[in-house]
Amino acid sequence: MPELPEVETTRLGVRPHVIGKPIVRVLVRESRLRWPVSPELPQMLTGNIISDVARRGKYLLFLTECGRMMVHLGMSGSLRITDINKVPRKHDHIDICFVDGNILRFHDPRRFGSVLWLPGESGHELIDNLGPEPLEDDFDGDHLYRLSQSRRTAVKTFIMNSRIVVGVGNIYANEALFLSGIRPDRAAGRISRERYRRLSDDIKAVLGKAIESGGTTLRDFVREDGSPGYFSQQLNVYGRGGETCVRCSQKLTESRLGNRSTVYCSRCQR
């Protein structure tokens, strides 16, 4: 599943191509996504102008004067900028066509993504109760320490909880915990304030580095122009179970935690 850096990379990529340009047509070829595409979407967007593209967690928000289009990429979704002459592929479900001939095209083979319309300033249950953004100032180690008290859940599961902090998915949770020297299965309530301060800094660092690199190349993720991201070349632990630790050369341990692949070094992480 695309994680926060992939979604932010998409936001940064499509934004210059869509803001300030009148929308002349919205074509929905397939409305049966994770949730049905909002039926009012074509009517509300056609003739309108996108004023900005924002992000909340892993949700992209396309802002207009009468509401917002909220997009989630799901397991295999992507947004690409193409032109009116590009023939749609099998899983190109939605086209948003601009006056200059460019098209914002939503592609999703597994159809686990979503495209919803939020009228006016209305919120939505999917984003109303999310935790702070990990790259903003209100997220820090003190925040993690305060919410971790008396929690027995594993720290990796804790930081992947979107009510605690948004956008720390499996890949980057593995990587940040390695940088911080914290075992992913350690109880969240048994970690000191100082270690949480380091962990919050490492979460910011690993996410920031991934965004700079264009996201992580996995099976399905591509950037808005169809090219892959490159952060996977720099992963320390994720996907490297059984290989040697980059710090101490000990064999990395791989296990399942919260039904997610978890890789760590039993010597460097405690």
C-alpha atoms as a PDB file:
ATOM      1  CA  MET A   1       0.000   0.000   0.000  1.00  0.00           C
ATOM      2  CA  PRO A   2       1.337   3.464  -0.812  1.00  0.00           C
ATOM      3  CA  GLU A   3       2.445   5.108   2.437  1.00  0.00           C
ATOM      4  CA  LEU A   4       2.701   8.769   3.400  1.00  0.00           C
ATOM      5  CA  PRO A   5       5.852   9.540   1.344  1.00  0.00           C
ATOM      6  CA  GLU A   6       4.293   8.003  -1.768  1.00  0.00           C
ATOM      7  CA  VAL A   7       1.116  10.026  -1.243  1.00  0.00           C
ATOM      8  CA  GLU A   8       3.089  13.228  -0.584  1.00  0.00           C
ATOM      9  CA  THR A   9       5.214  12.563  -3.673  1.00  0.00           C
ATOM     10  CA  THR A  10       2.008  12.238  -5.686  1.00  0.00           C
ATOM     11  CA  ARG A  11       0.646  15.472  -4.200  1.00  0.00           C
ATOM     12  CA  LEU A  12       3.795  17.394  -5.063  1.00  0.00           C
ATOM     13  CA  GLY A  13       3.840  15.890  -8.550  1.00  0.00           C
ATOM     14  CA  VAL A  14       0.255  16.543  -9.628  1.00  0.00           C
ATOM     15  CA  ARG A  15      -0.266  19.892  -7.893  1.00  0.00           C
ATOM     16  CA  PRO A  16       1.444  22.139 -10.500  1.00  0.00           C
ATOM     17  CA  HIS A  17      -0.554  20.493 -13.296  1.00  0.00           C
ATOM     18  CA  VAL A  18      -4.044  20.901 -11.817  1.00  0.00           C
ATOM     19  CA  ILE A  19      -4.342  24.111  -9.793  1.00  0.00           C
ATOM     20  CA  GLY A  20      -5.920  27.151 -11.402  1.00  0.00           C
ATOM     21  CA  LYS A  21      -7.131  25.329 -14.516  1.00  0.00           C
ATOM     22  CA  PRO A  22     -10.842  24.983 -15.373  1.00  0.00           C
ATOM     23  CA  ILE A  23     -12.186  21.416 -15.426  1.00  0.00           C
ATOM     24  CA  VAL A  24     -14.130  20.745 -18.623  1.00  0.00           C
ATOM     25  CA  ARG A  25     -15.153  17.126 -18.077  1.00  0.00           C
ATOM     26  CA  VAL A  26     -15.152  14.361 -15.464  1.00  0.00           C
ATOM     27  CA  LEU A  27     -15.442  10.810 -16.758  1.00  0.00           C
ATOM     28  CA  VAL A  28     -16.128   7.960 -14.324  1.00  0.00           C
ATOM     29  CA  ARG A  29     -15.646   4.636 -16.095  1.00  0.00           C
ATOM     30  CA  GLU A  30     -15.878   2.509 -12.966  1.00  0.00           C
ATOM     31  CA  SER A  31     -17.562   3.726  -9.778  1.00  0.00           C
ATOM     32  CA  ARG A  32     -17.238   0.492  -7.784  1.00  0.00           C
ATOM     33  CA  LEU A  33     -14.152   1.227  -5.724  1.00  0.00           C
ATOM     34  CA  ARG A  34     -13.700   0.503  -2.008  1.00  0.00           C
ATOM     35  CA  TRP A  35     -16.647   2.840  -1.552  1.00  0.00           C
ATOM     36  CA  PRO A  36     -18.752   3.941  -4.527  1.00  0.00           C
ATOM     37  CA  VAL A  37     -17.435   7.067  -6.224  1.00  0.00           C
ATOM     38  CA  SER A  38     -19.592   9.991  -5.096  1.00  0.00           C
ATOM     39  CA  PRO A  39     -22.297  10.252  -7.797  1.00  0.00           C
ATOM     40  CA  GLU A  40     -22.246  14.066  -7.620  1.00  0.00           C
ATOM     41  CA  LEU A  41     -18.519  14.233  -8.413  1.00  0.00           C
ATOM     42  CA  PRO A  42     -18.810  14.997 -12.186  1.00  0.00           C
ATOM     43  CA  GLN A  43     -21.428  17.689 -11.643  1.00  0.00           C
ATOM     44  CA  MET A  44     -19.536  19.383  -8.793  1.00  0.00           C
ATOM     45  CA  LEU A  45     -16.144  19.393 -10.517  1.00  0.00           C
ATOM     46  CA  THR A  46     -17.108  20.232 -14.091  1.00  0.00           C
ATOM     47  CA  GLY A  47     -16.673  23.958 -14.663  1.00  0.00           C
ATOM     48  CA  ASN A  48     -14.866  24.310 -11.362  1.00  0.00           C
ATOM     49  CA  ILE A  49     -11.225  25.105 -10.570  1.00  0.00           C
ATOM     50  CA  ILE A  50      -8.892  23.287  -8.162  1.00  0.00           C
ATOM     51  CA  SER A  51      -7.352  25.939  -5.918  1.00  0.00           C
ATOM     52  CA  ASP A  52      -4.897  23.658  -4.111  1.00  0.00           C
ATOM     53  CA  VAL A  53      -3.979  20.049  -3.357  1.00  0.00           C
ATOM     54  CA  ALA A  54      -3.569  19.185   0.313  1.00  0.00           C
ATOM     55  CA  ARG A  55      -2.905  15.971   2.218  1.00  0.00           C
ATOM     56  CA  ARG A  56      -4.240  14.581   5.490  1.00  0.00           C
ATOM     57  CA  GLY A  57      -2.481  11.360   6.405  1.00  0.00           C
ATOM     58  CA  LYS A  58      -2.724   9.202   3.304  1.00  0.00           C
ATOM     59  CA  TYR A  59      -5.705  11.111   1.887  1.00  0.00           C
ATOM     60  CA  LEU A  60      -5.298  13.680  -0.898  1.00  0.00           C
ATOM     61  CA  LEU A  61      -7.681  16.636  -0.828  1.00  0.00           C
ATOM     62  CA  PHE A  62      -8.356  18.588  -4.027  1.00  0.00           C
ATOM     63  CA  LEU A  63      -9.774  21.929  -2.915  1.00  0.00           C
ATOM     64  CA  THR A  64     -12.403  23.928  -4.829  1.00  0.00           C
ATOM     65  CA  GLU A  65     -14.683  26.802  -3.857  1.00  0.00           C
ATOM     66  CA  CYS A  66     -17.648  24.459  -3.306  1.00  0.00           C
ATOM     67  CA  GLY A  67     -15.996  21.466  -1.666  1.00  0.00           C
ATOM     68  CA  ARG A  68     -13.163  18.950  -1.754  1.00  0.00           C
ATOM     69  CA  MET A  69     -12.442  15.772  -3.680  1.00  0.00           C
ATOM     70  CA  MET A  70     -10.876  13.271  -1.252  1.00  0.00           C
ATOM     71  CA  VAL A  71      -8.730  10.552  -2.836  1.00  0.00           C
ATOM     72  CA  HIS A  72      -7.180   7.485  -1.229  1.00  0.00           C
ATOM     73  CA  LEU A  73      -4.869   5.349  -3.362  1.00  0.00           C
ATOM     74  CA  GLY A  74      -5.712   2.086  -1.593  1.00  0.00           C
ATOM     75  CA  MET A  75      -3.498  -0.927  -2.274  1.00  0.00           C
ATOM     76  CA  SER A  76      -2.636  -0.275  -5.903  1.00  0.00           C
ATOM     77  CA  GLY A  77      -4.004   3.106  -6.906  1.00  0.00           C
ATOM     78  CA  SER A  78      -2.087   5.898  -8.606  1.00  0.00           C
ATOM     79  CA  LEU A  79      -2.721   9.331 -10.069  1.00  0.00           C
ATOM     80  CA  ARG A  80      -1.008  10.261 -13.310  1.00  0.00           C
ATOM     81  CA  ILE A  81      -0.942  13.372 -15.424  1.00  0.00           C
ATOM     82  CA  THR A  82      -1.530  12.473 -19.058  1.00  0.00           C
ATOM     83  CA  ASP A  83      -3.059  14.142 -22.112  1.00  0.00           C
ATOM     84  CA  ILE A  84      -6.282  13.774 -24.016  1.00  0.00           C
ATOM     85  CA  ASN A  85      -4.653  11.600 -26.702  1.00  0.00           C
ATOM     86  CA  LYS A  86      -3.486   8.907 -24.257  1.00  0.00           C
ATOM     87  CA  VAL A  87      -5.714   5.844 -24.654  1.00  0.00           C
ATOM     88  CA  PRO A  88      -7.102   4.682 -21.265  1.00  0.00           C
ATOM     89  CA  ARG A  89      -5.855   1.381 -19.931  1.00  0.00           C
ATOM     90  CA  LYS A  90      -8.011  -1.356 -18.438  1.00  0.00           C
ATOM     91  CA  HIS A  91      -7.978  -0.040 -14.866  1.00  0.00           C
ATOM     92  CA  ASP A  92      -8.079   3.703 -15.597  1.00  0.00           C
ATOM     93  CA  HIS A  93     -11.306   4.365 -13.720  1.00  0.00           C
ATOM     94  CA  ILE A  94     -11.610   8.165 -13.563  1.00  0.00           C
ATOM     95  CA  ASP A  95     -10.480  11.037 -15.793  1.00  0.00           C
ATOM     96  CA  ILE A  96     -10.564  14.677 -14.729  1.00  0.00           C
ATOM     97  CA  CYS A  97     -10.057  16.678 -17.917  1.00  0.00           C
ATOM     98  CA  PHE A  98      -8.697  20.220 -17.915  1.00  0.00           C
ATOM     99  CA  VAL A  99      -9.105  23.011 -20.443  1.00  0.00           C
ATOM    100  CA  ASP A 100      -5.439  22.756 -21.518  1.00  0.00           C
ATOM    101  CA  GLY A 101      -5.865  19.123 -22.646  1.00  0.00           C
ATOM    102  CA  ASN A 102      -4.201  17.548 -19.616  1.00  0.00           C
ATOM    103  CA  ILE A 103      -5.970  14.785 -17.713  1.00  0.00           C
ATOM    104  CA  LEU A 104      -5.652  13.721 -14.081  1.00  0.00           C
ATOM    105  CA  ARG A 105      -6.195   9.975 -14.344  1.00  0.00           C
ATOM    106  CA  PHE A 106      -6.992   7.624 -11.449  1.00  0.00           C
ATOM    107  CA  HIS A 107      -5.724   4.079 -12.002  1.00  0.00           C
ATOM    108  CA  ASP A 108      -6.496   1.256  -9.555  1.00  0.00           C
ATOM    109  CA  PRO A 109      -6.313  -2.429 -10.570  1.00  0.00           C
ATOM    110  CA  ARG A 110      -7.522  -3.774  -7.216  1.00  0.00           C
ATOM    111  CA  ARG A 111     -10.157  -1.078  -6.701  1.00  0.00           C
ATOM    112  CA  PHE A 112      -9.335  -0.644  -3.001  1.00  0.00           C
ATOM    113  CA  GLY A 113      -8.902   3.102  -3.424  1.00  0.00           C
ATOM    114  CA  SER A 114     -11.617   5.721  -3.052  1.00  0.00           C
ATOM    115  CA  VAL A 115     -12.702   9.006  -4.626  1.00  0.00           C
ATOM    116  CA  LEU A 116     -15.258  10.885  -2.526  1.00  0.00           C
ATOM    117  CA  TRP A 117     -16.781  14.359  -2.626  1.00  0.00           C
ATOM    118  CA  LEU A 118     -16.945  16.460   0.552  1.00  0.00           C
ATOM    119  CA  PRO A 119     -19.327  19.414   0.065  1.00  0.00           C
ATOM    120  CA  GLY A 120     -18.393  22.833   1.416  1.00  0.00           C
ATOM    121  CA  GLU A 121     -16.303  22.716   4.588  1.00  0.00           C
ATOM    122  CA  SER A 122     -17.746  19.390   5.743  1.00  0.00           C
ATOM    123  CA  GLY A 123     -15.476  16.836   7.322  1.00  0.00           C
ATOM    124  CA  HIS A 124     -15.531  13.068   6.989  1.00  0.00           C
ATOM    125  CA  GLU A 125     -15.269  10.209   9.457  1.00  0.00           C
ATOM    126  CA  LEU A 126     -12.162   8.935   7.655  1.00  0.00           C
ATOM    127  CA  ILE A 127     -10.132  12.037   8.511  1.00  0.00           C
ATOM    128  CA  ASP A 128     -11.918  13.771  11.396  1.00  0.00           C
ATOM    129  CA  ASN A 129     -10.213  11.810  14.197  1.00  0.00           C
ATOM    130  CA  LEU A 130      -6.703  11.387  12.829  1.00  0.00           C
ATOM    131  CA  GLY A 131      -3.641  12.118  14.939  1.00  0.00           C
ATOM    132  CA  PRO A 132      -1.046  14.800  14.156  1.00  0.00           C
ATOM    133  CA  GLU A 133       0.981  14.859  10.956  1.00  0.00           C
ATOM    134  CA  PRO A 134       4.435  13.353  11.649  1.00  0.00           C
ATOM    135  CA  LEU A 135       6.314  16.131   9.855  1.00  0.00           C
ATOM    136  CA  GLU A 136       4.636  18.982  11.724  1.00  0.00           C
ATOM    137  CA  ASP A 137       5.743  20.642  14.953  1.00  0.00           C
ATOM    138  CA  ASP A 138       2.909  19.302  17.118  1.00  0.00           C
ATOM    139  CA  PHE A 139       4.278  15.775  16.696  1.00  0.00           C
ATOM    140  CA  ASP A 140       7.218  15.024  18.962  1.00  0.00           C
ATOM    141  CA  GLY A 141       8.545  12.550  21.512  1.00  0.00           C
ATOM    142  CA  ASP A 142       6.572  14.107  24.353  1.00  0.00           C
ATOM    143  CA  HIS A 143       3.359  13.449  22.413  1.00  0.00           C
ATOM    144  CA  LEU A 144       4.300   9.788  21.954  1.00  0.00           C
ATOM    145  CA  TYR A 145       5.384   9.374  25.567  1.00  0.00           C
ATOM    146  CA  ARG A 146       2.180  10.922  26.926  1.00  0.00           C
ATOM    147  CA  LEU A 147      -0.103   8.660  24.865  1.00  0.00           C
ATOM    148  CA  SER A 148       1.975   5.531  25.485  1.00  0.00           C
ATOM    149  CA  GLN A 149       1.526   5.418  29.249  1.00  0.00           C
ATOM    150  CA  SER A 150       0.163   2.083  30.511  1.00  0.00           C
ATOM    151  CA  ARG A 151      -0.109   0.717  26.966  1.00  0.00           C
ATOM    152  CA  ARG A 152       0.949  -2.903  26.555  1.00  0.00           C
ATOM    153  CA  THR A 153       0.680  -2.925  22.782  1.00  0.00           C
ATOM    154  CA  ALA A 154       3.909  -3.281  20.813  1.00  0.00           C
ATOM    155  CA  VAL A 155       5.582   0.028  20.028  1.00  0.00           C
ATOM    156  CA  LYS A 156       5.502  -0.683  16.294  1.00  0.00           C
ATOM    157  CA  THR A 157       1.726  -1.183  16.418  1.00  0.00           C
ATOM    158  CA  PHE A 158       1.462   1.947  18.587  1.00  0.00           C
ATOM    159  CA  ILE A 159       3.206   4.268  16.117  1.00  0.00           C
ATOM    160  CA  MET A 160       1.235   2.783  13.214  1.00  0.00           C
ATOM    161  CA  ASN A 161      -2.048   3.756  14.906  1.00  0.00           C
ATOM    162  CA  SER A 162      -3.420   6.695  12.886  1.00  0.00           C
ATOM    163  CA  ARG A 163      -5.061   8.143  16.001  1.00  0.00           C
ATOM    164  CA  ILE A 164      -1.604   8.457  17.571  1.00  0.00           C
ATOM    165  CA  VAL A 165       0.164   9.813  14.485  1.00  0.00           C
ATOM    166  CA  VAL A 166      -0.858   9.589  10.838  1.00  0.00           C
ATOM    167  CA  GLY A 167       1.042   8.060   7.974  1.00  0.00           C
ATOM    168  CA  VAL A 168       3.643   5.893   9.727  1.00  0.00           C
ATOM    169  CA  GLY A 169       3.071   2.727   7.740  1.00  0.00           C
ATOM    170  CA  ASN A 170       4.814  -0.608   7.958  1.00  0.00           C
ATOM    171  CA  ILE A 171       7.902   0.218   5.901  1.00  0.00           C
ATOM    172  CA  TYR A 172       8.768   3.407   7.740  1.00  0.00           C
ATOM    173  CA  ALA A 173       7.875   2.066  11.187  1.00  0.00           C
ATOM    174  CA  ASN A 174      10.445  -0.700  10.653  1.00  0.00           C
ATOM    175  CA  GLU A 175      13.043   1.790   9.481  1.00  0.00           C
ATOM    176  CA  ALA A 176      12.484   4.404  12.218  1.00  0.00           C
ATOM    177  CA  LEU A 177      12.607   1.813  14.995  1.00  0.00           C
ATOM    178  CA  PHE A 178      15.880   0.489  13.623  1.00  0.00           C
ATOM    179  CA  LEU A 179      17.407   3.965  13.577  1.00  0.00           C
ATOM    180  CA  SER A 180      16.215   4.518  17.152  1.00  0.00           C
ATOM    181  CA  GLY A 181      17.536   1.173  18.389  1.00  0.00           C
ATOM    182  CA  ILE A 182      14.104   0.102  19.690  1.00  0.00           C
ATOM    183  CA  ARG A 183      12.772  -3.443  19.302  1.00  0.00           C
ATOM    184  CA  PRO A 184       9.439  -3.289  17.465  1.00  0.00           C
ATOM    185  CA  ASP A 185       7.788  -5.759  19.867  1.00  0.00           C
ATOM    186  CA  ARG A 186       8.711  -3.814  23.007  1.00  0.00           C
ATOM    187  CA  ALA A 187       5.653  -2.622  24.976  1.00  0.00           C
ATOM    188  CA  ALA A 188       4.866   0.994  24.147  1.00  0.00           C
ATOM    189  CA  GLY A 189       4.356   1.843  27.815  1.00  0.00           C
ATOM    190  CA  ARG A 190       7.838   0.650  28.772  1.00  0.00           C
ATOM    191  CA  ILE A 191       9.807   3.105  26.634  1.00  0.00           C
ATOM    192  CA  SER A 192      11.304   6.236  28.167  1.00  0.00           C
ATOM    193  CA  ARG A 193      10.543   9.818  27.207  1.00  0.00           C
ATOM    194  CA  GLU A 194      14.087  10.271  25.883  1.00  0.00           C
ATOM    195  CA  ARG A 195      13.815   7.238  23.622  1.00  0.00           C
ATOM    196  CA  TYR A 196      10.497   8.516  22.284  1.00  0.00           C
ATOM    197  CA  ARG A 197      12.117  11.857  21.555  1.00  0.00           C
ATOM    198  CA  ARG A 198      14.720  10.093  19.471  1.00  0.00           C
ATOM    199  CA  LEU A 199      12.064   7.942  17.808  1.00  0.00           C
ATOM    200  CA  SER A 200       9.978  10.970  16.792  1.00  0.00           C
ATOM    201  CA  ASP A 201      13.079  12.581  15.285  1.00  0.00           C
ATOM    202  CA  ASP A 202      13.868   9.375  13.379  1.00  0.00           C
ATOM    203  CA  ILE A 203      10.289   9.104  12.105  1.00  0.00           C
ATOM    204  CA  LYS A 204      10.582  12.639  10.740  1.00  0.00           C
ATOM    205  CA  ALA A 205      14.000  11.872   9.239  1.00  0.00           C
ATOM    206  CA  VAL A 206      13.046   8.628   7.498  1.00  0.00           C
ATOM    207  CA  LEU A 207       9.803  10.071   6.102  1.00  0.00           C
ATOM    208  CA  GLY A 208      11.540  13.242   4.952  1.00  0.00           C
ATOM    209  CA  LYS A 209      14.282  11.274   3.239  1.00  0.00           C
ATOM    210  CA  ALA A 210      11.736   9.051   1.514  1.00  0.00           C
ATOM    211  CA  ILE A 211       9.826  12.080   0.209  1.00  0.00           C
ATOM    212  CA  GLU A 212      13.051  13.584  -1.129  1.00  0.00           C
ATOM    213  CA  SER A 213      13.780  10.278  -2.889  1.00  0.00           C
ATOM    214  CA  GLY A 214      10.334  10.117  -4.489  1.00  0.00           C
ATOM    215  CA  GLY A 215       8.750   7.412  -2.351  1.00  0.00           C
ATOM    216  CA  THR A 216       9.454   3.731  -2.057  1.00  0.00           C
ATOM    217  CA  THR A 217       9.428   1.428  -5.070  1.00  0.00           C
ATOM    218  CA  LEU A 218       7.202  -1.586  -4.361  1.00  0.00           C
ATOM    219  CA  ARG A 219       5.070  -3.654  -6.709  1.00  0.00           C
ATOM    220  CA  ASP A 220       2.484  -1.019  -7.540  1.00  0.00           C
ATOM    221  CA  PHE A 221       3.658   2.455  -6.601  1.00  0.00           C
ATOM    222  CA  VAL A 222       4.681   4.862  -9.332  1.00  0.00           C
ATOM    223  CA  ARG A 223       4.946   8.623  -9.293  1.00  0.00           C
ATOM    224  CA  GLU A 224       2.517  10.900 -11.082  1.00  0.00           C
ATOM    225  CA  ASP A 225       4.495  10.666 -14.340  1.00  0.00           C
ATOM    226  CA  GLY A 226       4.632   6.852 -14.238  1.00  0.00           C
ATOM    227  CA  SER A 227       8.221   6.550 -13.004  1.00  0.00           C
ATOM    228  CA  PRO A 228       9.071   4.733  -9.756  1.00  0.00           C
ATOM    229  CA  GLY A 229      10.378   6.118  -6.509  1.00  0.00           C
ATOM    230  CA  TYR A 230      13.869   5.192  -5.328  1.00  0.00           C
ATOM    231  CA  PHE A 231      13.869   5.034  -1.523  1.00  0.00           C
ATOM    232  CA  SER A 232      13.757   1.222  -1.498  1.00  0.00           C
ATOM    233  CA  GLN A 233      17.433   1.234  -2.438  1.00  0.00           C
ATOM    234  CA  GLN A 234      18.176   2.779   0.975  1.00  0.00           C
ATOM    235  CA  LEU A 235      16.140   0.517   3.300  1.00  0.00           C
ATOM    236  CA  ASN A 236      18.059  -0.785   6.321  1.00  0.00           C
ATOM    237  CA  VAL A 237      15.726  -3.537   7.514  1.00  0.00           C
ATOM    238  CA  TYR A 238      12.390  -3.705   5.701  1.00  0.00           C
ATOM    239  CA  GLY A 239      12.339  -6.630   3.265  1.00  0.00           C
ATOM    240  CA  ARG A 240      15.811  -7.761   4.423  1.00  0.00           C
ATOM    241  CA  GLY A 241      14.879 -10.528   6.849  1.00  0.00           C
ATOM    242  CA  GLY A 242      17.718 -13.078   7.099  1.00  0.00           C
ATOM    243  CA  GLU A 243      20.275 -10.670   5.661  1.00  0.00           C
ATOM    244  CA  THR A 244      23.016  -9.058   7.735  1.00  0.00           C
ATOM    245  CA  CYS A 245      22.537  -5.900   9.784  1.00  0.00           C
ATOM    246  CA  VAL A 246      24.152  -2.828   8.220  1.00  0.00           C
ATOM    247  CA  ARG A 247      25.512  -1.854  11.650  1.00  0.00           C
ATOM    248  CA  CYS A 248      26.726  -5.036  13.339  1.00  0.00           C
ATOM    249  CA  SER A 249      26.529  -7.734  10.608  1.00  0.00           C
ATOM    250  CA  GLN A 250      24.278  -9.955  12.717  1.00  0.00           C
ATOM    251  CA  LYS A 251      21.492 -11.773  10.886  1.00  0.00           C
ATOM    252  CA  LEU A 252      18.276  -9.743  10.895  1.00  0.00           C
ATOM    253  CA  THR A 253      15.223 -11.319  12.526  1.00  0.00           C
ATOM    254  CA  GLU A 254      11.914 -11.417  10.638  1.00  0.00           C
ATOM    255  CA  SER A 255       8.586 -12.044  12.370  1.00  0.00           C
ATOM    256  CA  ARG A 256       4.899 -11.178  12.146  1.00  0.00           C
ATOM    257  CA  LEU A 257       3.587  -8.399  14.377  1.00  0.00           C
ATOM    258  CA  GLY A 258       0.018  -7.246  14.056  1.00  0.00           C
ATOM    259  CA  ASN A 259      -0.131  -9.469  10.961  1.00  0.00           C
ATOM    260  CA  ARG A 260       2.545  -7.317   9.314  1.00  0.00           C
ATOM    261  CA  SER A 261       6.082  -8.265   8.302  1.00  0.00           C
ATOM    262  CA  THR A 262       8.532  -6.995  10.924  1.00  0.00           C
ATOM    263  CA  VAL A 263      12.307  -7.017  10.560  1.00  0.00           C
ATOM    264  CA  TYR A 264      14.779  -5.945  13.241  1.00  0.00           C
ATOM    265  CA  CYS A 265      18.250  -6.552  14.637  1.00  0.00           C
ATOM    266  CA  SER A 266      18.140  -8.303  18.014  1.00  0.00           C
ATOM    267  CA  ARG A 267      21.566  -6.913  18.856  1.00  0.00           C
ATOM    268  CA  CYS A 268      21.124  -3.259  17.860  1.00  0.00           C
ATOM    269  CA  GLN A 269      17.455  -2.897  18.889  1.00  0.00           C
ATOM    270  CA  ARG A 270      16.400  -3.337  22.520  1.00  0.00           C
END
